[in-house]
Amino acid sequence: MSRFFLHQDLGNGILEDPEGMEAADLATAKQQAIQAARQLLANAIMAGTKPIGKAFRITDDAGTLLLIVPFSEALPTDMRARPDDL
């Protein structure tokens, strides 16, 4: 198991994850980030507010950026905005 940190990219700053989480690999950490983004988006929708943040930045213990997971990846594929849809 490795420790991964899911830092929330707010667009104008980063909300750091001080504790991190244990996961078997980066793919598992990405799935956890997607689940966390779904929860954040659901909470914002239920509250009628704008979601706080736009992506998770997954880092390792050393602070190395491993992956950026946009909150849009938490949406079903057919709900993701495409440039021709805007």
C-alpha atoms as a PDB file:
ATOM      1  CA  MET A   1       0.000   0.000   0.000  1.00  0.00           C
ATOM      2  CA  SER A   2       1.161   3.488  -0.808  1.00  0.00           C
ATOM      3  CA  ARG A   3       0.066   6.850   0.572  1.00  0.00           C
ATOM      4  CA  PHE A   4      -1.563   9.266  -1.854  1.00  0.00           C
ATOM      5  CA  PHE A   5      -2.770  12.813  -1.235  1.00  0.00           C
ATOM      6  CA  LEU A   6      -5.850  14.273  -2.938  1.00  0.00           C
ATOM      7  CA  HIS A   7      -5.217  18.018  -3.023  1.00  0.00           C
ATOM      8  CA  GLN A   8      -8.244  19.994  -4.177  1.00  0.00           C
ATOM      9  CA  ASP A   9      -7.515  22.481  -6.987  1.00  0.00           C
ATOM     10  CA  LEU A  10      -9.741  25.486  -6.301  1.00  0.00           C
ATOM     11  CA  GLY A  11      -8.766  27.349  -9.457  1.00  0.00           C
ATOM     12  CA  ASN A  12      -7.244  30.173  -7.429  1.00  0.00           C
ATOM     13  CA  GLY A  13      -5.308  28.019  -4.981  1.00  0.00           C
ATOM     14  CA  ILE A  14      -4.925  24.536  -3.577  1.00  0.00           C
ATOM     15  CA  LEU A  15      -6.690  23.032  -0.574  1.00  0.00           C
ATOM     16  CA  GLU A  16      -4.105  20.552   0.657  1.00  0.00           C
ATOM     17  CA  ASP A  17      -4.970  17.101   1.929  1.00  0.00           C
ATOM     18  CA  PRO A  18      -2.926  16.876   5.162  1.00  0.00           C
ATOM     19  CA  GLU A  19      -3.605  13.189   5.892  1.00  0.00           C
ATOM     20  CA  GLY A  20      -3.676  11.419   2.563  1.00  0.00           C
ATOM     21  CA  MET A  21      -4.969   7.901   2.125  1.00  0.00           C
ATOM     22  CA  GLU A  22      -3.627   4.422   1.659  1.00  0.00           C
ATOM     23  CA  ALA A  23      -4.279   2.822  -1.727  1.00  0.00           C
ATOM     24  CA  ALA A  24      -2.911  -0.165  -3.582  1.00  0.00           C
ATOM     25  CA  ASP A  25      -1.894   1.882  -6.617  1.00  0.00           C
ATOM     26  CA  LEU A  26      -2.475   5.089  -8.576  1.00  0.00           C
ATOM     27  CA  ALA A  27      -5.494   3.631 -10.381  1.00  0.00           C
ATOM     28  CA  THR A  28      -7.167   2.980  -7.027  1.00  0.00           C
ATOM     29  CA  ALA A  29      -6.291   6.500  -5.845  1.00  0.00           C
ATOM     30  CA  LYS A  30      -7.838   7.895  -9.043  1.00  0.00           C
ATOM     31  CA  GLN A  31     -11.059   5.978  -8.370  1.00  0.00           C
ATOM     32  CA  GLN A  32     -11.117   7.418  -4.829  1.00  0.00           C
ATOM     33  CA  ALA A  33     -10.655  10.921  -6.287  1.00  0.00           C
ATOM     34  CA  ILE A  34     -13.562  10.353  -8.675  1.00  0.00           C
ATOM     35  CA  GLN A  35     -15.763   9.163  -5.796  1.00  0.00           C
ATOM     36  CA  ALA A  36     -14.778  12.209  -3.710  1.00  0.00           C
ATOM     37  CA  ALA A  37     -15.528  14.521  -6.652  1.00  0.00           C
ATOM     38  CA  ARG A  38     -18.947  12.894  -7.078  1.00  0.00           C
ATOM     39  CA  GLN A  39     -19.699  13.538  -3.417  1.00  0.00           C
ATOM     40  CA  LEU A  40     -18.576  17.180  -3.657  1.00  0.00           C
ATOM     41  CA  LEU A  41     -20.650  17.721  -6.797  1.00  0.00           C
ATOM     42  CA  ALA A  42     -23.706  16.026  -5.269  1.00  0.00           C
ATOM     43  CA  ASN A  43     -23.438  18.148  -2.125  1.00  0.00           C
ATOM     44  CA  ALA A  44     -23.202  21.330  -4.201  1.00  0.00           C
ATOM     45  CA  ILE A  45     -26.207  20.340  -6.318  1.00  0.00           C
ATOM     46  CA  MET A  46     -28.271  19.534  -3.217  1.00  0.00           C
ATOM     47  CA  ALA A  47     -27.313  22.880  -1.653  1.00  0.00           C
ATOM     48  CA  GLY A  48     -27.934  24.775  -4.892  1.00  0.00           C
ATOM     49  CA  THR A  49     -24.395  26.145  -4.838  1.00  0.00           C
ATOM     50  CA  LYS A  50     -21.374  26.097  -7.093  1.00  0.00           C
ATOM     51  CA  PRO A  51     -18.928  23.250  -6.377  1.00  0.00           C
ATOM     52  CA  ILE A  52     -15.768  24.251  -4.557  1.00  0.00           C
ATOM     53  CA  GLY A  53     -12.882  23.255  -6.753  1.00  0.00           C
ATOM     54  CA  LYS A  54     -12.371  21.908 -10.211  1.00  0.00           C
ATOM     55  CA  ALA A  55      -9.956  18.981  -9.882  1.00  0.00           C
ATOM     56  CA  PHE A  56      -7.985  16.775  -7.541  1.00  0.00           C
ATOM     57  CA  ARG A  57      -4.208  16.769  -7.780  1.00  0.00           C
ATOM     58  CA  ILE A  58      -2.931  13.376  -6.667  1.00  0.00           C
ATOM     59  CA  THR A  59       0.555  13.405  -5.189  1.00  0.00           C
ATOM     60  CA  ASP A  60       2.774  10.878  -3.454  1.00  0.00           C
ATOM     61  CA  ASP A  61       4.518  11.129  -0.051  1.00  0.00           C
ATOM     62  CA  ALA A  62       7.295  13.222  -1.584  1.00  0.00           C
ATOM     63  CA  GLY A  63       4.812  15.738  -3.004  1.00  0.00           C
ATOM     64  CA  THR A  64       5.371  14.650  -6.602  1.00  0.00           C
ATOM     65  CA  LEU A  65       2.340  15.348  -8.778  1.00  0.00           C
ATOM     66  CA  LEU A  66       1.213  12.019 -10.220  1.00  0.00           C
ATOM     67  CA  LEU A  67      -2.152  12.796 -11.772  1.00  0.00           C
ATOM     68  CA  ILE A  68      -4.767  15.531 -12.141  1.00  0.00           C
ATOM     69  CA  VAL A  69      -8.367  14.316 -11.990  1.00  0.00           C
ATOM     70  CA  PRO A  70     -10.824  16.972 -13.232  1.00  0.00           C
ATOM     71  CA  PHE A  71     -14.198  16.901 -11.487  1.00  0.00           C
ATOM     72  CA  SER A  72     -15.751  16.454 -14.947  1.00  0.00           C
ATOM     73  CA  GLU A  73     -14.434  12.858 -14.892  1.00  0.00           C
ATOM     74  CA  ALA A  74     -16.905  12.207 -12.069  1.00  0.00           C
ATOM     75  CA  LEU A  75     -19.829  12.861 -14.401  1.00  0.00           C
ATOM     76  CA  PRO A  76     -21.366  10.233 -16.653  1.00  0.00           C
ATOM     77  CA  THR A  77     -19.772  10.421 -20.112  1.00  0.00           C
ATOM     78  CA  ASP A  78     -22.919  11.752 -21.773  1.00  0.00           C
ATOM     79  CA  MET A  79     -23.099  14.670 -19.296  1.00  0.00           C
ATOM     80  CA  ARG A  80     -19.567  15.964 -19.884  1.00  0.00           C
ATOM     81  CA  ALA A  81     -19.432  19.252 -21.764  1.00  0.00           C
ATOM     82  CA  ARG A  82     -17.863  19.093 -25.188  1.00  0.00           C
ATOM     83  CA  PRO A  83     -16.711  22.255 -27.010  1.00  0.00           C
ATOM     84  CA  ASP A  84     -19.361  21.788 -29.719  1.00  0.00           C
ATOM     85  CA  ASP A  85     -22.077  21.595 -27.040  1.00  0.00           C
ATOM     86  CA  LEU A  86     -21.308  24.997 -25.532  1.00  0.00           C
END
